[in-house]
Amino acid sequence: MKAPRAATRRHLPTSPFKPPPAAPPVEQYEVDDRVSHDKYGLGRVVDVVGDSAIVVDFGTQKVRIPSPFAKLIKI
């Protein structure tokens, strides 16, 4: 006999508890945007590969950074 699966519970508007946090939207980058990366420093976006990745020129190297761009900040 299989164990029943736990159903995801929906948040009721009258609930005294906070609703679960929504996922933040993924930042959109365009060619020539200036960015800062925690590891590589300052750079400029040179190519956008759909919504899945971007290529950034940091001066000494070009790095392909996949989405969701966690350590990247638009300047």
PDB file of N, CA and C in Angstrom:
ATOM      1  N   MET A   1       0.833  -1.163   0.000  1.00  0.00           N
ATOM      2  CA  MET A   1       0.000   0.000   0.000  1.00  0.00           C
ATOM      3  C   MET A   1       0.890   1.244   0.000  1.00  0.00           C
ATOM      4  N   LYS A   2       0.581   2.228  -0.832  1.00  0.00           N
ATOM      5  CA  LYS A   2       1.373   3.444  -0.935  1.00  0.00           C
ATOM      6  C   LYS A   2       0.948   4.457   0.125  1.00  0.00           C
ATOM      7  N   ALA A   3       1.936   5.195   0.607  1.00  0.00           N
ATOM      8  CA  ALA A   3       1.642   6.257   1.573  1.00  0.00           C
ATOM      9  C   ALA A   3       1.060   7.459   0.818  1.00  0.00           C
ATOM     10  N   PRO A   4       0.113   8.159   1.405  1.00  0.00           N
ATOM     11  CA  PRO A   4      -0.465   9.327   0.728  1.00  0.00           C
ATOM     12  C   PRO A   4       0.576  10.444   0.617  1.00  0.00           C
ATOM     13  N   ARG A   5       0.534  11.171  -0.507  1.00  0.00           N
ATOM     14  CA  ARG A   5       1.453  12.285  -0.712  1.00  0.00           C
ATOM     15  C   ARG A   5       0.902  13.530  -0.033  1.00  0.00           C
ATOM     16  N   ALA A   6       1.792  14.321   0.471  1.00  0.00           N
ATOM     17  CA  ALA A   6       1.384  15.570   1.104  1.00  0.00           C
ATOM     18  C   ALA A   6       1.020  16.582   0.020  1.00  0.00           C
ATOM     19  N   ALA A   7      -0.129  17.180   0.165  1.00  0.00           N
ATOM     20  CA  ALA A   7      -0.578  18.189  -0.790  1.00  0.00           C
ATOM     21  C   ALA A   7      -0.009  19.547  -0.399  1.00  0.00           C
ATOM     22  N   THR A   8       0.267  20.370  -1.395  1.00  0.00           N
ATOM     23  CA  THR A   8       0.719  21.718  -1.080  1.00  0.00           C
ATOM     24  C   THR A   8      -0.481  22.519  -0.601  1.00  0.00           C
ATOM     25  N   ARG A   9      -0.267  23.246   0.451  1.00  0.00           N
ATOM     26  CA  ARG A   9      -1.367  24.009   1.033  1.00  0.00           C
ATOM     27  C   ARG A   9      -1.380  25.409   0.463  1.00  0.00           C
ATOM     28  N   ARG A  10      -2.576  25.905   0.205  1.00  0.00           N
ATOM     29  CA  ARG A  10      -2.690  27.262  -0.295  1.00  0.00           C
ATOM     30  C   ARG A  10      -2.829  28.212   0.881  1.00  0.00           C
ATOM     31  N   HIS A  11      -2.434  29.436   0.686  1.00  0.00           N
ATOM     32  CA  HIS A  11      -2.493  30.443   1.739  1.00  0.00           C
ATOM     33  C   HIS A  11      -3.876  31.079   1.751  1.00  0.00           C
ATOM     34  N   LEU A  12      -4.510  31.051   2.885  1.00  0.00           N
ATOM     35  CA  LEU A  12      -5.820  31.672   3.034  1.00  0.00           C
ATOM     36  C   LEU A  12      -5.649  33.140   3.417  1.00  0.00           C
ATOM     37  N   PRO A  13      -6.457  34.033   2.837  1.00  0.00           N
ATOM     38  CA  PRO A  13      -6.316  35.457   3.141  1.00  0.00           C
ATOM     39  C   PRO A  13      -6.586  35.780   4.612  1.00  0.00           C
ATOM     40  N   THR A  14      -7.353  34.953   5.300  1.00  0.00           N
ATOM     41  CA  THR A  14      -7.673  35.205   6.704  1.00  0.00           C
ATOM     42  C   THR A  14      -6.654  34.585   7.655  1.00  0.00           C
ATOM     43  N   SER A  15      -5.621  33.956   7.137  1.00  0.00           N
ATOM     44  CA  SER A  15      -4.622  33.296   7.964  1.00  0.00           C
ATOM     45  C   SER A  15      -3.781  34.322   8.719  1.00  0.00           C
ATOM     46  N   PRO A  16      -3.447  34.055   9.977  1.00  0.00           N
ATOM     47  CA  PRO A  16      -2.596  34.988  10.723  1.00  0.00           C
ATOM     48  C   PRO A  16      -1.111  34.846  10.375  1.00  0.00           C
ATOM     49  N   PHE A  17      -0.765  33.845   9.591  1.00  0.00           N
ATOM     50  CA  PHE A  17       0.621  33.610   9.212  1.00  0.00           C
ATOM     51  C   PHE A  17       0.927  34.278   7.883  1.00  0.00           C
ATOM     52  N   LYS A  18       2.195  34.633   7.694  1.00  0.00           N
ATOM     53  CA  LYS A  18       2.615  35.271   6.450  1.00  0.00           C
ATOM     54  C   LYS A  18       2.600  34.261   5.305  1.00  0.00           C
ATOM     55  N   PRO A  19       2.274  34.715   4.087  1.00  0.00           N
ATOM     56  CA  PRO A  19       2.325  33.801   2.943  1.00  0.00           C
ATOM     57  C   PRO A  19       3.776  33.464   2.609  1.00  0.00           C
ATOM     58  N   PRO A  20       4.002  32.348   1.927  1.00  0.00           N
ATOM     59  CA  PRO A  20       5.380  32.002   1.553  1.00  0.00           C
ATOM     60  C   PRO A  20       5.934  33.058   0.600  1.00  0.00           C
ATOM     61  N   PRO A  21       7.223  33.358   0.707  1.00  0.00           N
ATOM     62  CA  PRO A  21       7.799  34.403  -0.151  1.00  0.00           C
ATOM     63  C   PRO A  21       7.789  33.978  -1.618  1.00  0.00           C
ATOM     64  N   ALA A  22       7.497  34.944  -2.473  1.00  0.00           N
ATOM     65  CA  ALA A  22       7.498  34.689  -3.918  1.00  0.00           C
ATOM     66  C   ALA A  22       8.940  34.774  -4.421  1.00  0.00           C
ATOM     67  N   ALA A  23       9.232  34.044  -5.473  1.00  0.00           N
ATOM     68  CA  ALA A  23      10.573  34.066  -6.056  1.00  0.00           C
ATOM     69  C   ALA A  23      10.811  35.428  -6.707  1.00  0.00           C
ATOM     70  N   PRO A  24      11.983  36.040  -6.467  1.00  0.00           N
ATOM     71  CA  PRO A  24      12.260  37.333  -7.082  1.00  0.00           C
ATOM     72  C   PRO A  24      12.398  37.183  -8.596  1.00  0.00           C
ATOM     73  N   PRO A  25      12.001  38.189  -9.353  1.00  0.00           N
ATOM     74  CA  PRO A  25      12.115  38.090 -10.817  1.00  0.00           C
ATOM     75  C   PRO A  25      13.583  38.074 -11.240  1.00  0.00           C
ATOM     76  N   VAL A  26      13.864  37.390 -12.335  1.00  0.00           N
ATOM     77  CA  VAL A  26      15.225  37.306 -12.859  1.00  0.00           C
ATOM     78  C   VAL A  26      15.555  38.615 -13.555  1.00  0.00           C
ATOM     79  N   GLU A  27      16.710  39.175 -13.242  1.00  0.00           N
ATOM     80  CA  GLU A  27      17.152  40.436 -13.825  1.00  0.00           C
ATOM     81  C   GLU A  27      17.379  40.261 -15.329  1.00  0.00           C
ATOM     82  N   GLN A  28      16.976  41.246 -16.118  1.00  0.00           N
ATOM     83  CA  GLN A  28      17.162  41.222 -17.562  1.00  0.00           C
ATOM     84  C   GLN A  28      18.341  42.120 -17.922  1.00  0.00           C
ATOM     85  N   TYR A  29      19.268  41.605 -18.730  1.00  0.00           N
ATOM     86  CA  TYR A  29      20.445  42.352 -19.139  1.00  0.00           C
ATOM     87  C   TYR A  29      20.437  42.550 -20.645  1.00  0.00           C
ATOM     88  N   GLU A  30      21.039  43.659 -21.082  1.00  0.00           N
ATOM     89  CA  GLU A  30      21.165  43.965 -22.503  1.00  0.00           C
ATOM     90  C   GLU A  30      22.637  44.192 -22.819  1.00  0.00           C
ATOM     91  N   VAL A  31      22.989  44.146 -24.105  1.00  0.00           N
ATOM     92  CA  VAL A  31      24.357  44.380 -24.541  1.00  0.00           C
ATOM     93  C   VAL A  31      24.756  45.799 -24.126  1.00  0.00           C
ATOM     94  N   ASP A  32      25.987  45.967 -23.665  1.00  0.00           N
ATOM     95  CA  ASP A  32      26.590  47.220 -23.193  1.00  0.00           C
ATOM     96  C   ASP A  32      26.146  47.641 -21.802  1.00  0.00           C
ATOM     97  N   ASP A  33      25.414  46.795 -21.065  1.00  0.00           N
ATOM     98  CA  ASP A  33      25.103  47.091 -19.668  1.00  0.00           C
ATOM     99  C   ASP A  33      26.369  46.922 -18.836  1.00  0.00           C
ATOM    100  N   ARG A  34      26.610  47.845 -17.913  1.00  0.00           N
ATOM    101  CA  ARG A  34      27.731  47.731 -16.984  1.00  0.00           C
ATOM    102  C   ARG A  34      27.275  46.898 -15.793  1.00  0.00           C
ATOM    103  N   VAL A  35      28.112  45.943 -15.371  1.00  0.00           N
ATOM    104  CA  VAL A  35      27.760  45.047 -14.279  1.00  0.00           C
ATOM    105  C   VAL A  35      28.939  44.891 -13.324  1.00  0.00           C
ATOM    106  N   SER A  36      28.628  44.392 -12.135  1.00  0.00           N
ATOM    107  CA  SER A  36      29.642  44.071 -11.143  1.00  0.00           C
ATOM    108  C   SER A  36      29.400  42.640 -10.678  1.00  0.00           C
ATOM    109  N   HIS A  37      30.470  41.848 -10.609  1.00  0.00           N
ATOM    110  CA  HIS A  37      30.379  40.461 -10.181  1.00  0.00           C
ATOM    111  C   HIS A  37      31.221  40.294  -8.918  1.00  0.00           C
ATOM    112  N   ASP A  38      30.757  39.467  -7.973  1.00  0.00           N
ATOM    113  CA  ASP A  38      31.460  39.266  -6.709  1.00  0.00           C
ATOM    114  C   ASP A  38      32.869  38.723  -6.908  1.00  0.00           C
ATOM    115  N   LYS A  39      33.075  37.866  -7.892  1.00  0.00           N
ATOM    116  CA  LYS A  39      34.371  37.227  -8.096  1.00  0.00           C
ATOM    117  C   LYS A  39      35.239  37.958  -9.123  1.00  0.00           C
ATOM    118  N   TYR A  40      34.630  38.410 -10.250  1.00  0.00           N
ATOM    119  CA  TYR A  40      35.393  38.946 -11.370  1.00  0.00           C
ATOM    120  C   TYR A  40      35.512  40.468 -11.368  1.00  0.00           C
ATOM    121  N   GLY A  41      34.670  41.177 -10.643  1.00  0.00           N
ATOM    122  CA  GLY A  41      34.742  42.633 -10.586  1.00  0.00           C
ATOM    123  C   GLY A  41      33.836  43.307 -11.603  1.00  0.00           C
ATOM    124  N   LEU A  42      34.267  44.484 -12.095  1.00  0.00           N
ATOM    125  CA  LEU A  42      33.473  45.271 -13.033  1.00  0.00           C
ATOM    126  C   LEU A  42      33.607  44.734 -14.448  1.00  0.00           C
ATOM    127  N   GLY A  43      32.508  44.798 -15.200  1.00  0.00           N
ATOM    128  CA  GLY A  43      32.529  44.321 -16.570  1.00  0.00           C
ATOM    129  C   GLY A  43      31.415  44.915 -17.393  1.00  0.00           C
ATOM    130  N   ARG A  44      31.383  44.522 -18.670  1.00  0.00           N
ATOM    131  CA  ARG A  44      30.368  45.006 -19.608  1.00  0.00           C
ATOM    132  C   ARG A  44      29.784  43.804 -20.348  1.00  0.00           C
ATOM    133  N   VAL A  45      28.451  43.760 -20.467  1.00  0.00           N
ATOM    134  CA  VAL A  45      27.774  42.670 -21.172  1.00  0.00           C
ATOM    135  C   VAL A  45      28.065  42.804 -22.663  1.00  0.00           C
ATOM    136  N   VAL A  46      28.582  41.714 -23.273  1.00  0.00           N
ATOM    137  CA  VAL A  46      28.899  41.739 -24.703  1.00  0.00           C
ATOM    138  C   VAL A  46      27.970  40.847 -25.519  1.00  0.00           C
ATOM    139  N   ASP A  47      27.274  39.911 -24.873  1.00  0.00           N
ATOM    140  CA  ASP A  47      26.362  39.025 -25.597  1.00  0.00           C
ATOM    141  C   ASP A  47      25.289  38.510 -24.644  1.00  0.00           C
ATOM    142  N   VAL A  48      24.063  38.415 -25.161  1.00  0.00           N
ATOM    143  CA  VAL A  48      22.946  37.861 -24.401  1.00  0.00           C
ATOM    144  C   VAL A  48      22.490  36.602 -25.117  1.00  0.00           C
ATOM    145  N   VAL A  49      22.511  35.454 -24.407  1.00  0.00           N
ATOM    146  CA  VAL A  49      22.138  34.171 -24.975  1.00  0.00           C
ATOM    147  C   VAL A  49      20.730  33.819 -24.485  1.00  0.00           C
ATOM    148  N   GLY A  50      19.714  34.414 -25.110  1.00  0.00           N
ATOM    149  CA  GLY A  50      18.329  34.179 -24.689  1.00  0.00           C
ATOM    150  C   GLY A  50      18.130  34.597 -23.248  1.00  0.00           C
ATOM    151  N   ASP A  51      17.349  33.809 -22.507  1.00  0.00           N
ATOM    152  CA  ASP A  51      17.141  34.063 -21.081  1.00  0.00           C
ATOM    153  C   ASP A  51      18.028  33.171 -20.221  1.00  0.00           C
ATOM    154  N   SER A  52      18.879  32.355 -20.878  1.00  0.00           N
ATOM    155  CA  SER A  52      19.637  31.345 -20.132  1.00  0.00           C
ATOM    156  C   SER A  52      21.023  31.791 -19.688  1.00  0.00           C
ATOM    157  N   ALA A  53      21.652  32.746 -20.379  1.00  0.00           N
ATOM    158  CA  ALA A  53      23.011  33.147 -20.008  1.00  0.00           C
ATOM    159  C   ALA A  53      23.381  34.471 -20.666  1.00  0.00           C
ATOM    160  N   ILE A  54      24.457  35.075 -20.149  1.00  0.00           N
ATOM    161  CA  ILE A  54      25.041  36.265 -20.767  1.00  0.00           C
ATOM    162  C   ILE A  54      26.551  36.089 -20.791  1.00  0.00           C
ATOM    163  N   VAL A  55      27.211  36.812 -21.692  1.00  0.00           N
ATOM    164  CA  VAL A  55      28.670  36.808 -21.759  1.00  0.00           C
ATOM    165  C   VAL A  55      29.122  38.203 -21.346  1.00  0.00           C
ATOM    166  N   VAL A  56      30.037  38.249 -20.359  1.00  0.00           N
ATOM    167  CA  VAL A  56      30.497  39.520 -19.812  1.00  0.00           C
ATOM    168  C   VAL A  56      32.000  39.643 -20.021  1.00  0.00           C
ATOM    169  N   ASP A  57      32.436  40.813 -20.518  1.00  0.00           N
ATOM    170  CA  ASP A  57      33.858  41.103 -20.695  1.00  0.00           C
ATOM    171  C   ASP A  57      34.339  41.844 -19.454  1.00  0.00           C
ATOM    172  N   PHE A  58      35.252  41.216 -18.702  1.00  0.00           N
ATOM    173  CA  PHE A  58      35.789  41.816 -17.491  1.00  0.00           C
ATOM    174  C   PHE A  58      37.163  42.445 -17.724  1.00  0.00           C
ATOM    175  N   GLY A  59      37.525  42.647 -18.976  1.00  0.00           N
ATOM    176  CA  GLY A  59      38.812  43.253 -19.302  1.00  0.00           C
ATOM    177  C   GLY A  59      39.882  42.217 -19.536  1.00  0.00           C
ATOM    178  N   THR A  60      40.157  41.375 -18.564  1.00  0.00           N
ATOM    179  CA  THR A  60      41.184  40.344 -18.717  1.00  0.00           C
ATOM    180  C   THR A  60      40.624  39.050 -19.280  1.00  0.00           C
ATOM    181  N   GLN A  61      39.320  38.845 -19.156  1.00  0.00           N
ATOM    182  CA  GLN A  61      38.700  37.624 -19.653  1.00  0.00           C
ATOM    183  C   GLN A  61      37.218  37.851 -19.936  1.00  0.00           C
ATOM    184  N   LYS A  62      36.668  37.002 -20.808  1.00  0.00           N
ATOM    185  CA  LYS A  62      35.230  36.995 -21.069  1.00  0.00           C
ATOM    186  C   LYS A  62      34.654  35.764 -20.387  1.00  0.00           C
ATOM    187  N   VAL A  63      33.567  35.959 -19.638  1.00  0.00           N
ATOM    188  CA  VAL A  63      32.983  34.884 -18.848  1.00  0.00           C
ATOM    189  C   VAL A  63      31.520  34.733 -19.212  1.00  0.00           C
ATOM    190  N   ARG A  64      31.095  33.470 -19.426  1.00  0.00           N
ATOM    191  CA  ARG A  64      29.683  33.162 -19.675  1.00  0.00           C
ATOM    192  C   ARG A  64      29.037  32.892 -18.324  1.00  0.00           C
ATOM    193  N   ILE A  65      28.023  33.679 -17.970  1.00  0.00           N
ATOM    194  CA  ILE A  65      27.367  33.554 -16.676  1.00  0.00           C
ATOM    195  C   ILE A  65      25.946  33.058 -16.904  1.00  0.00           C
ATOM    196  N   PRO A  66      25.603  31.884 -16.354  1.00  0.00           N
ATOM    197  CA  PRO A  66      24.254  31.342 -16.545  1.00  0.00           C
ATOM    198  C   PRO A  66      23.220  32.032 -15.646  1.00  0.00           C
ATOM    199  N   SER A  67      21.969  31.939 -16.069  1.00  0.00           N
ATOM    200  CA  SER A  67      20.858  32.484 -15.290  1.00  0.00           C
ATOM    201  C   SER A  67      20.706  31.676 -14.018  1.00  0.00           C
ATOM    202  N   PRO A  68      20.358  32.200 -12.899  1.00  0.00           N
ATOM    203  CA  PRO A  68      19.679  33.446 -12.554  1.00  0.00           C
ATOM    204  C   PRO A  68      20.594  34.583 -12.143  1.00  0.00           C
ATOM    205  N   PHE A  69      21.867  34.564 -12.489  1.00  0.00           N
ATOM    206  CA  PHE A  69      22.796  35.663 -12.277  1.00  0.00           C
ATOM    207  C   PHE A  69      22.879  36.073 -10.806  1.00  0.00           C
ATOM    208  N   ALA A  70      23.098  35.098  -9.920  1.00  0.00           N
ATOM    209  CA  ALA A  70      23.059  35.338  -8.475  1.00  0.00           C
ATOM    210  C   ALA A  70      24.094  36.336  -7.986  1.00  0.00           C
ATOM    211  N   LYS A  71      25.301  36.301  -8.500  1.00  0.00           N
ATOM    212  CA  LYS A  71      26.370  37.176  -7.981  1.00  0.00           C
ATOM    213  C   LYS A  71      26.616  38.389  -8.873  1.00  0.00           C
ATOM    214  N   LEU A  72      25.667  38.720  -9.728  1.00  0.00           N
ATOM    215  CA  LEU A  72      25.825  39.801 -10.694  1.00  0.00           C
ATOM    216  C   LEU A  72      24.876  40.942 -10.354  1.00  0.00           C
ATOM    217  N   ILE A  73      25.407  42.177 -10.371  1.00  0.00           N
ATOM    218  CA  ILE A  73      24.622  43.360 -10.065  1.00  0.00           C
ATOM    219  C   ILE A  73      24.738  44.348 -11.214  1.00  0.00           C
ATOM    220  N   LYS A  74      23.606  44.864 -11.688  1.00  0.00           N
ATOM    221  CA  LYS A  74      23.615  45.867 -12.750  1.00  0.00           C
ATOM    222  C   LYS A  74      23.953  47.216 -12.143  1.00  0.00           C
ATOM    223  N   ILE A  75      24.878  47.930 -12.805  1.00  0.00           N
ATOM    224  CA  ILE A  75      25.301  49.258 -12.323  1.00  0.00           C
ATOM    225  C   ILE A  75      24.579  50.338 -13.106  1.00  0.00           C
TER     226      ILE A  75
END
